[in-house]
Amino acid sequence: MHEIDNVTLSNALGRWKGGTRNRYRAALTHFLKWGRAHGYIELHPTLLPGKEAPRDNVIPLDRLRALYNIAERMEYPWSAYGRLLILGNTGDESVGAE
């Protein structure tokens, strides 16, 4: 681990783009933090996140109807929870935001 430097890490991460690069970056960052905490490495890497494309997933109305009908047949509290998720989904990031 003592031979790792920022250039080596950047070159390794350069193999991937977008979200995949960010997942590898996160894993490397956690691994290197662990290495520093246990005295295996002193490197404080500067790994910038890659740009991710937003995801636009739209569930067709007929599938939502089928999910809603299935949710009605589930046991309490899952039936109410499932229907609430389906009816309450606005499709934007405001759901669950503080």
C-alpha atoms as a PDB file:
ATOM      1  CA  MET A   1       0.000   0.000   0.000  1.00  0.00           C
ATOM      2  CA  HIS A   2       2.941   2.367   0.482  1.00  0.00           C
ATOM      3  CA  GLU A   3       3.525   2.519  -3.298  1.00  0.00           C
ATOM      4  CA  ILE A   4       0.054   3.920  -4.097  1.00  0.00           C
ATOM      5  CA  ASP A   5      -0.128   7.584  -5.125  1.00  0.00           C
ATOM      6  CA  ASN A   6      -2.795   9.939  -6.496  1.00  0.00           C
ATOM      7  CA  VAL A   7      -1.663   9.455 -10.112  1.00  0.00           C
ATOM      8  CA  THR A   8      -1.976   5.674  -9.846  1.00  0.00           C
ATOM      9  CA  LEU A   9      -5.453   5.972  -8.322  1.00  0.00           C
ATOM     10  CA  SER A  10      -6.625   8.477 -10.938  1.00  0.00           C
ATOM     11  CA  ASN A  11      -5.369   6.251 -13.753  1.00  0.00           C
ATOM     12  CA  ALA A  12      -7.127   3.229 -12.255  1.00  0.00           C
ATOM     13  CA  LEU A  13     -10.402   5.136 -11.913  1.00  0.00           C
ATOM     14  CA  GLY A  14     -10.040   6.468 -15.470  1.00  0.00           C
ATOM     15  CA  ARG A  15     -11.118   3.064 -16.765  1.00  0.00           C
ATOM     16  CA  TRP A  16     -14.726   3.745 -15.744  1.00  0.00           C
ATOM     17  CA  LYS A  17     -17.185   6.563 -16.388  1.00  0.00           C
ATOM     18  CA  GLY A  18     -20.125   8.128 -14.538  1.00  0.00           C
ATOM     19  CA  GLY A  19     -21.870   6.159 -11.830  1.00  0.00           C
ATOM     20  CA  THR A  20     -19.558   3.141 -12.063  1.00  0.00           C
ATOM     21  CA  ARG A  21     -16.540   5.390 -11.513  1.00  0.00           C
ATOM     22  CA  ASN A  22     -18.229   6.933  -8.478  1.00  0.00           C
ATOM     23  CA  ARG A  23     -18.933   3.506  -6.941  1.00  0.00           C
ATOM     24  CA  TYR A  24     -15.292   2.471  -7.354  1.00  0.00           C
ATOM     25  CA  ARG A  25     -14.173   5.866  -6.022  1.00  0.00           C
ATOM     26  CA  ALA A  26     -16.327   5.408  -2.908  1.00  0.00           C
ATOM     27  CA  ALA A  27     -14.963   1.906  -2.316  1.00  0.00           C
ATOM     28  CA  LEU A  28     -11.373   3.104  -2.730  1.00  0.00           C
ATOM     29  CA  THR A  29     -11.943   6.056  -0.417  1.00  0.00           C
ATOM     30  CA  HIS A  30     -13.317   3.797   2.334  1.00  0.00           C
ATOM     31  CA  PHE A  31     -10.489   1.317   1.847  1.00  0.00           C
ATOM     32  CA  LEU A  32      -7.854   4.050   2.061  1.00  0.00           C
ATOM     33  CA  LYS A  33      -9.485   5.530   5.178  1.00  0.00           C
ATOM     34  CA  TRP A  34      -9.277   2.085   6.764  1.00  0.00           C
ATOM     35  CA  GLY A  35      -5.622   1.820   5.718  1.00  0.00           C
ATOM     36  CA  ARG A  36      -4.820   5.207   7.282  1.00  0.00           C
ATOM     37  CA  ALA A  37      -6.691   4.318  10.483  1.00  0.00           C
ATOM     38  CA  HIS A  38      -4.616   1.140  10.848  1.00  0.00           C
ATOM     39  CA  GLY A  39      -1.292   2.729   9.892  1.00  0.00           C
ATOM     40  CA  TYR A  40      -0.862   0.980   6.532  1.00  0.00           C
ATOM     41  CA  ILE A  41      -0.863   4.141   4.420  1.00  0.00           C
ATOM     42  CA  GLU A  42      -0.471   7.893   4.826  1.00  0.00           C
ATOM     43  CA  LEU A  43      -1.948   8.967   1.480  1.00  0.00           C
ATOM     44  CA  HIS A  44      -4.896  11.392   1.524  1.00  0.00           C
ATOM     45  CA  PRO A  45      -6.162  10.975  -2.047  1.00  0.00           C
ATOM     46  CA  THR A  46      -7.919  13.648  -4.045  1.00  0.00           C
ATOM     47  CA  LEU A  47     -10.395  11.604  -6.062  1.00  0.00           C
ATOM     48  CA  LEU A  48     -13.017  13.752  -7.744  1.00  0.00           C
ATOM     49  CA  PRO A  49     -16.427  12.229  -8.470  1.00  0.00           C
ATOM     50  CA  GLY A  50     -17.454  11.610 -12.060  1.00  0.00           C
ATOM     51  CA  LYS A  51     -20.487  13.221 -13.628  1.00  0.00           C
ATOM     52  CA  GLU A  52     -23.567  10.995 -13.517  1.00  0.00           C
ATOM     53  CA  ALA A  53     -26.445  11.166 -15.952  1.00  0.00           C
ATOM     54  CA  PRO A  54     -29.863  11.602 -14.332  1.00  0.00           C
ATOM     55  CA  ARG A  55     -32.160   8.615 -14.538  1.00  0.00           C
ATOM     56  CA  ASP A  56     -35.616   9.067 -15.995  1.00  0.00           C
ATOM     57  CA  ASN A  57     -37.517   5.893 -15.193  1.00  0.00           C
ATOM     58  CA  VAL A  58     -41.240   6.001 -15.833  1.00  0.00           C
ATOM     59  CA  ILE A  59     -43.481   3.087 -14.872  1.00  0.00           C
ATOM     60  CA  PRO A  60     -46.402   2.703 -17.295  1.00  0.00           C
ATOM     61  CA  LEU A  61     -49.882   3.242 -15.851  1.00  0.00           C
ATOM     62  CA  ASP A  62     -50.988  -0.363 -16.491  1.00  0.00           C
ATOM     63  CA  ARG A  63     -48.069  -1.671 -14.406  1.00  0.00           C
ATOM     64  CA  LEU A  64     -48.855   0.777 -11.609  1.00  0.00           C
ATOM     65  CA  ARG A  65     -52.468  -0.469 -11.633  1.00  0.00           C
ATOM     66  CA  ALA A  66     -51.263  -4.078 -11.403  1.00  0.00           C
ATOM     67  CA  LEU A  67     -48.915  -3.230  -8.514  1.00  0.00           C
ATOM     68  CA  TYR A  68     -51.698  -1.375  -6.731  1.00  0.00           C
ATOM     69  CA  ASN A  69     -54.052  -4.356  -7.092  1.00  0.00           C
ATOM     70  CA  ILE A  70     -51.390  -6.732  -5.779  1.00  0.00           C
ATOM     71  CA  ALA A  71     -50.687  -4.409  -2.860  1.00  0.00           C
ATOM     72  CA  GLU A  72     -54.379  -4.550  -1.864  1.00  0.00           C
ATOM     73  CA  ARG A  73     -54.061  -8.314  -1.344  1.00  0.00           C
ATOM     74  CA  MET A  74     -51.050  -8.072   0.970  1.00  0.00           C
ATOM     75  CA  GLU A  75     -51.360  -8.322   4.735  1.00  0.00           C
ATOM     76  CA  TYR A  76     -51.467  -5.275   6.983  1.00  0.00           C
ATOM     77  CA  PRO A  77     -49.352  -3.082   7.245  1.00  0.00           C
ATOM     78  CA  TRP A  78     -47.761  -3.898   3.872  1.00  0.00           C
ATOM     79  CA  SER A  79     -50.944  -3.372   1.861  1.00  0.00           C
ATOM     80  CA  ALA A  80     -51.348   0.198   3.066  1.00  0.00           C
ATOM     81  CA  TYR A  81     -47.626   0.891   2.795  1.00  0.00           C
ATOM     82  CA  GLY A  82     -47.450  -0.437  -0.787  1.00  0.00           C
ATOM     83  CA  ARG A  83     -50.449   1.575  -1.936  1.00  0.00           C
ATOM     84  CA  LEU A  84     -49.125   4.699  -0.231  1.00  0.00           C
ATOM     85  CA  LEU A  85     -45.810   4.344  -2.068  1.00  0.00           C
ATOM     86  CA  ILE A  86     -47.578   3.965  -5.400  1.00  0.00           C
ATOM     87  CA  LEU A  87     -50.012   6.844  -4.851  1.00  0.00           C
ATOM     88  CA  GLY A  88     -47.492   9.127  -3.164  1.00  0.00           C
ATOM     89  CA  ASN A  89     -44.739   8.861  -5.746  1.00  0.00           C
ATOM     90  CA  THR A  90     -44.422  12.260  -7.378  1.00  0.00           C
ATOM     91  CA  GLY A  91     -41.511  11.239  -9.585  1.00  0.00           C
ATOM     92  CA  ASP A  92     -39.236  13.936  -8.274  1.00  0.00           C
ATOM     93  CA  GLU A  93     -36.732  14.232  -5.444  1.00  0.00           C
ATOM     94  CA  SER A  94     -39.189  15.906  -3.056  1.00  0.00           C
ATOM     95  CA  VAL A  95     -40.306  12.512  -1.702  1.00  0.00           C
ATOM     96  CA  GLY A  96     -38.463  11.893   1.539  1.00  0.00           C
ATOM     97  CA  ALA A  97     -36.697  15.248   1.454  1.00  0.00           C
ATOM     98  CA  GLU A  98     -36.441  17.231   4.633  1.00  0.00           C
END
